[in-house]
Amino acid sequence: SYTWASLYVRVTQNDSGADATMRSRINGASGNQTITIPLATTGVFEDNVNSDNIVNNDLVNWWLNVPPGEDTVYISVVSSFLTAVANVTIIQATITLEYQNFGLTQYSTVLGGFELAAAEIDAQLLLRQASTLSNLRAYCSINTLDGASTLRLRINGANGNQVLNIGAGTTGDFEDIVNTDAVVSGDRIAHCLTTAGTAGSLGINTCQMKSAASNRWSG
């Protein structure tokens, strides 16, 4: 079983004339985590009180309710913690869809929004404690590349052990269940995406890892 907690959202634009609600959903029913987004208010909102217990094969998602007739609420980041035992936490970067064209190497942070940058320093996350990182996973929904791609972990500007090999034209889930990386406080980590080939692009929706630490993960 897992504890799913600390629902966090960043609202970048809010044109709604009424309060909106973001909450967890489990197997088609409302969960415990909930955030009220006040009308016309932007910024960061977090539920530090409620949590949900989930098990393998549960189907989970987020639910955003903006009252009918109201305008749009724009959310740039949604995140949460998923903890099993012994402070094993899922750290994740996600986005609706981030494209990269052929013949490029770019970088993304491991937490928050999966947004690619040309300079690695712009994507690095400074760690505050030691941890063992494992199970690098990504979901690729679009792949029109005519060459193979790699998504890997970078530590202090050098390649880590975890790597995903994404074949030309292939989509779906990719996970490294073999390699792990040991990191310490002060290390800076990032994802690195390299696309080969001579045509096409690759679209990634989410990228995540497990983190086993002596305390709750923090970055």
Protein backbone atom coordinates (compact mmCIF):
# COMPACT_ATOMS: atom_id res chain seq x y z
CA SER A 1 0.00 0.00 0.00
CA TYR A 2 1.01 3.64 -0.47
CA THR A 3 0.34 6.99 1.13
CA TRP A 4 -0.53 9.66 -1.42
CA ALA A 5 -0.23 13.15 0.03
CA SER A 6 0.83 16.82 -0.24
CA LEU A 7 -1.26 17.85 -3.23
CA TYR A 8 0.43 20.98 -4.65
CA VAL A 9 -0.66 23.24 -7.51
CA ARG A 10 0.74 26.41 -9.05
CA VAL A 11 -1.88 28.65 -10.66
CA THR A 12 -0.41 31.06 -13.21
CA GLN A 13 -3.63 32.72 -14.40
CA ASN A 14 -7.10 32.80 -12.87
CA ASP A 15 -9.98 34.50 -14.64
CA SER A 16 -12.70 32.67 -12.71
CA GLY A 17 -15.32 34.69 -10.86
CA ALA A 18 -15.88 31.87 -8.36
CA ASP A 19 -13.75 29.54 -6.26
CA ALA A 20 -12.36 26.45 -8.00
CA THR A 21 -11.55 23.09 -6.43
CA MET A 22 -8.75 20.60 -7.13
CA ARG A 23 -8.93 17.18 -5.50
CA SER A 24 -7.68 13.61 -5.69
CA ARG A 25 -9.74 10.84 -7.30
CA ILE A 26 -9.33 7.10 -6.69
CA ASN A 27 -11.10 4.49 -8.81
CA GLY A 28 -13.69 7.04 -9.93
CA ALA A 29 -14.47 8.36 -6.44
CA SER A 30 -13.30 11.49 -4.63
CA GLY A 31 -10.25 11.12 -2.42
CA ASN A 32 -9.28 13.07 0.68
CA GLN A 33 -6.79 15.55 -0.77
CA THR A 34 -8.43 18.82 -1.72
CA ILE A 35 -7.46 22.41 -2.48
CA THR A 36 -9.72 25.43 -2.81
CA ILE A 37 -8.45 28.01 -5.30
CA PRO A 38 -10.07 31.38 -4.45
CA LEU A 39 -11.63 33.34 -7.29
CA ALA A 40 -9.23 35.43 -9.40
CA THR A 41 -6.26 34.30 -7.26
CA THR A 42 -2.92 32.99 -8.54
CA GLY A 43 0.08 31.45 -6.81
CA VAL A 44 0.89 28.23 -4.96
CA PHE A 45 -1.67 26.15 -3.08
CA GLU A 46 -1.01 22.97 -1.09
CA ASP A 47 -2.95 20.49 1.04
CA ASN A 48 -0.64 19.66 3.95
CA VAL A 49 -3.35 17.99 6.04
CA ASN A 50 -5.13 15.28 4.05
CA SER A 51 -3.78 12.10 2.48
CA ASP A 52 -5.06 9.02 0.64
CA ASN A 53 -4.18 5.35 1.02
CA ILE A 54 -3.89 3.51 -2.29
CA VAL A 55 -2.81 0.03 -3.39
CA ASN A 56 -1.45 -1.60 -6.52
CA ASN A 57 -3.82 -1.45 -9.52
CA ASP A 58 -5.80 1.51 -8.15
CA LEU A 59 -6.60 4.09 -10.83
CA VAL A 60 -5.86 7.63 -9.65
CA ASN A 61 -6.12 11.09 -11.16
CA TRP A 62 -6.71 14.74 -10.32
CA TRP A 63 -10.07 16.50 -10.65
CA LEU A 64 -10.39 20.25 -11.24
CA ASN A 65 -13.81 21.84 -10.86
CA VAL A 66 -14.45 25.36 -12.14
CA PRO A 67 -18.13 26.32 -11.62
CA PRO A 68 -20.23 26.44 -14.82
CA GLY A 69 -20.31 29.79 -16.53
CA GLU A 70 -17.03 30.94 -15.03
CA ASP A 71 -13.81 31.65 -16.91
CA THR A 72 -10.56 29.67 -17.06
CA VAL A 73 -8.08 28.64 -14.37
CA TYR A 74 -4.57 27.94 -15.72
CA ILE A 75 -2.42 25.48 -13.74
CA SER A 76 1.25 25.08 -14.66
CA VAL A 77 2.32 22.51 -12.03
CA VAL A 78 0.51 19.72 -10.17
CA SER A 79 2.55 17.50 -7.86
CA SER A 80 2.25 15.20 -4.85
CA PHE A 81 4.20 12.67 -2.80
CA LEU A 82 3.64 8.92 -3.11
CA THR A 83 5.31 7.06 -0.24
CA ALA A 84 5.38 3.31 0.34
CA VAL A 85 7.68 2.27 3.19
CA ALA A 86 10.99 3.43 4.65
CA ASN A 87 10.68 6.91 3.10
CA VAL A 88 10.58 5.66 -0.48
CA THR A 89 9.09 8.55 -2.43
CA ILE A 90 8.15 9.05 -6.07
CA ILE A 91 9.63 12.24 -7.52
CA GLN A 92 8.04 13.30 -10.77
CA ALA A 93 8.11 15.93 -13.48
CA THR A 94 5.06 16.14 -15.71
CA ILE A 95 3.44 18.26 -18.39
CA THR A 96 0.59 17.94 -20.88
CA LEU A 97 3.13 17.23 -23.62
CA GLU A 98 6.71 18.40 -24.23
CA TYR A 99 8.21 17.96 -27.71
CA GLN A 100 11.81 17.64 -28.80
CA ASN A 101 12.85 17.54 -32.46
CA PHE A 102 15.47 15.22 -33.94
CA GLY A 103 19.19 15.79 -33.45
CA LEU A 104 19.02 17.61 -30.10
CA THR A 105 20.19 17.19 -26.53
CA GLN A 106 18.19 19.08 -23.90
CA TYR A 107 17.58 18.95 -20.15
CA SER A 108 14.65 18.99 -17.74
CA THR A 109 14.24 19.19 -13.99
CA VAL A 110 13.25 15.99 -12.17
CA LEU A 111 10.48 17.65 -10.13
CA GLY A 112 7.61 19.91 -11.14
CA GLY A 113 7.09 20.71 -14.81
CA PHE A 114 8.86 18.60 -17.45
CA GLU A 115 10.08 21.52 -19.55
CA LEU A 116 13.17 21.13 -21.73
CA ALA A 117 16.04 23.62 -21.72
CA ALA A 118 19.19 23.85 -23.83
CA ALA A 119 21.43 24.61 -20.83
CA GLU A 120 21.77 21.92 -18.16
CA ILE A 121 22.29 24.48 -15.39
CA ASP A 122 18.76 25.79 -16.01
CA ALA A 123 17.30 22.35 -15.22
CA GLN A 124 19.43 21.14 -12.30
CA LEU A 125 17.84 20.48 -8.92
CA LEU A 126 19.96 20.90 -5.78
CA LEU A 127 19.53 17.98 -3.37
CA ARG A 128 19.39 18.48 0.40
CA GLN A 129 19.98 14.89 1.56
CA ALA A 130 21.46 11.56 0.51
CA SER A 131 19.27 9.14 -1.42
CA THR A 132 19.29 6.14 -3.74
CA LEU A 133 17.45 6.88 -6.98
CA SER A 134 15.96 4.05 -9.04
CA ASN A 135 13.26 3.00 -11.52
CA LEU A 136 13.67 5.91 -13.92
CA ARG A 137 10.45 5.87 -15.94
CA ALA A 138 8.96 7.97 -18.72
CA TYR A 139 5.75 7.95 -20.72
CA CYS A 140 6.10 8.84 -24.40
CA SER A 141 2.81 9.46 -26.21
CA ILE A 142 4.11 10.67 -29.59
CA ASN A 143 7.20 9.52 -31.49
CA THR A 144 7.73 10.31 -35.16
CA LEU A 145 11.53 10.12 -35.01
CA ASP A 146 13.37 7.96 -37.52
CA GLY A 147 16.18 7.32 -35.01
CA ALA A 148 16.56 6.07 -31.44
CA SER A 149 16.51 8.35 -28.39
CA THR A 150 17.84 8.20 -24.84
CA LEU A 151 16.53 9.71 -21.64
CA ARG A 152 18.96 9.51 -18.73
CA LEU A 153 19.72 10.90 -15.30
CA ARG A 154 22.53 13.43 -14.96
CA ILE A 155 24.40 14.06 -11.70
CA ASN A 156 26.65 17.11 -11.32
CA GLY A 157 26.93 17.48 -15.09
CA ALA A 158 27.88 13.84 -15.77
CA ASN A 159 25.87 10.81 -16.85
CA GLY A 160 24.30 8.76 -14.08
CA ASN A 161 23.62 5.03 -14.31
CA GLN A 162 19.92 5.13 -15.11
CA VAL A 163 18.99 5.37 -18.78
CA LEU A 164 16.00 4.72 -21.03
CA ASN A 165 16.42 3.65 -24.64
CA ILE A 166 13.48 4.69 -26.82
CA GLY A 167 13.42 3.09 -30.24
CA ALA A 168 12.51 4.93 -33.44
CA GLY A 169 8.75 5.41 -33.66
CA THR A 170 7.99 3.63 -30.38
CA THR A 171 5.63 5.00 -27.72
CA GLY A 172 4.35 3.99 -24.29
CA ASP A 173 5.98 3.38 -20.91
CA PHE A 174 9.74 2.99 -20.58
CA GLU A 175 11.42 2.04 -17.29
CA ASP A 176 14.94 1.21 -16.12
CA ILE A 177 14.48 -1.60 -13.58
CA VAL A 178 18.20 -2.48 -13.44
CA ASN A 179 20.29 0.59 -12.67
CA THR A 180 20.38 2.85 -9.60
CA ASP A 181 22.17 6.06 -8.62
CA ALA A 182 23.45 7.07 -5.18
CA VAL A 183 23.32 10.82 -4.55
CA VAL A 184 24.28 12.99 -1.59
CA SER A 185 23.34 16.38 -0.23
CA GLY A 186 24.75 19.08 -2.50
CA ASP A 187 24.46 17.04 -5.70
CA ARG A 188 22.65 18.62 -8.63
CA ILE A 189 20.52 16.35 -10.81
CA ALA A 190 18.56 16.67 -14.04
CA HIS A 191 17.06 14.63 -16.85
CA CYS A 192 18.83 14.61 -20.22
CA LEU A 193 16.95 13.82 -23.44
CA THR A 194 18.91 13.08 -26.63
CA THR A 195 17.00 12.58 -29.88
CA ALA A 196 18.76 11.07 -32.89
CA GLY A 197 17.65 10.64 -36.49
CA THR A 198 17.12 13.04 -39.35
CA ALA A 199 13.39 13.77 -39.05
CA GLY A 200 10.51 13.79 -36.61
CA SER A 201 10.01 14.61 -32.94
CA LEU A 202 9.41 12.95 -29.58
CA GLY A 203 6.66 13.88 -27.12
CA ILE A 204 6.99 13.09 -23.40
CA ASN A 205 4.22 13.56 -20.83
CA THR A 206 5.84 12.48 -17.58
CA CYS A 207 9.13 11.31 -16.09
CA GLN A 208 9.65 9.91 -12.59
CA MET A 209 11.97 8.00 -10.23
CA LYS A 210 11.90 6.35 -6.84
CA SER A 211 13.93 7.94 -4.07
CA ALA A 212 14.94 5.90 -0.99
CA ALA A 213 16.23 8.23 1.72
CA SER A 214 16.64 8.28 5.48
CA ASN A 215 14.08 11.08 5.68
CA ARG A 216 11.25 12.38 3.53
CA TRP A 217 12.60 13.48 0.17
CA SER A 218 13.28 17.17 -0.30
CA GLY A 219 14.90 19.17 -3.07
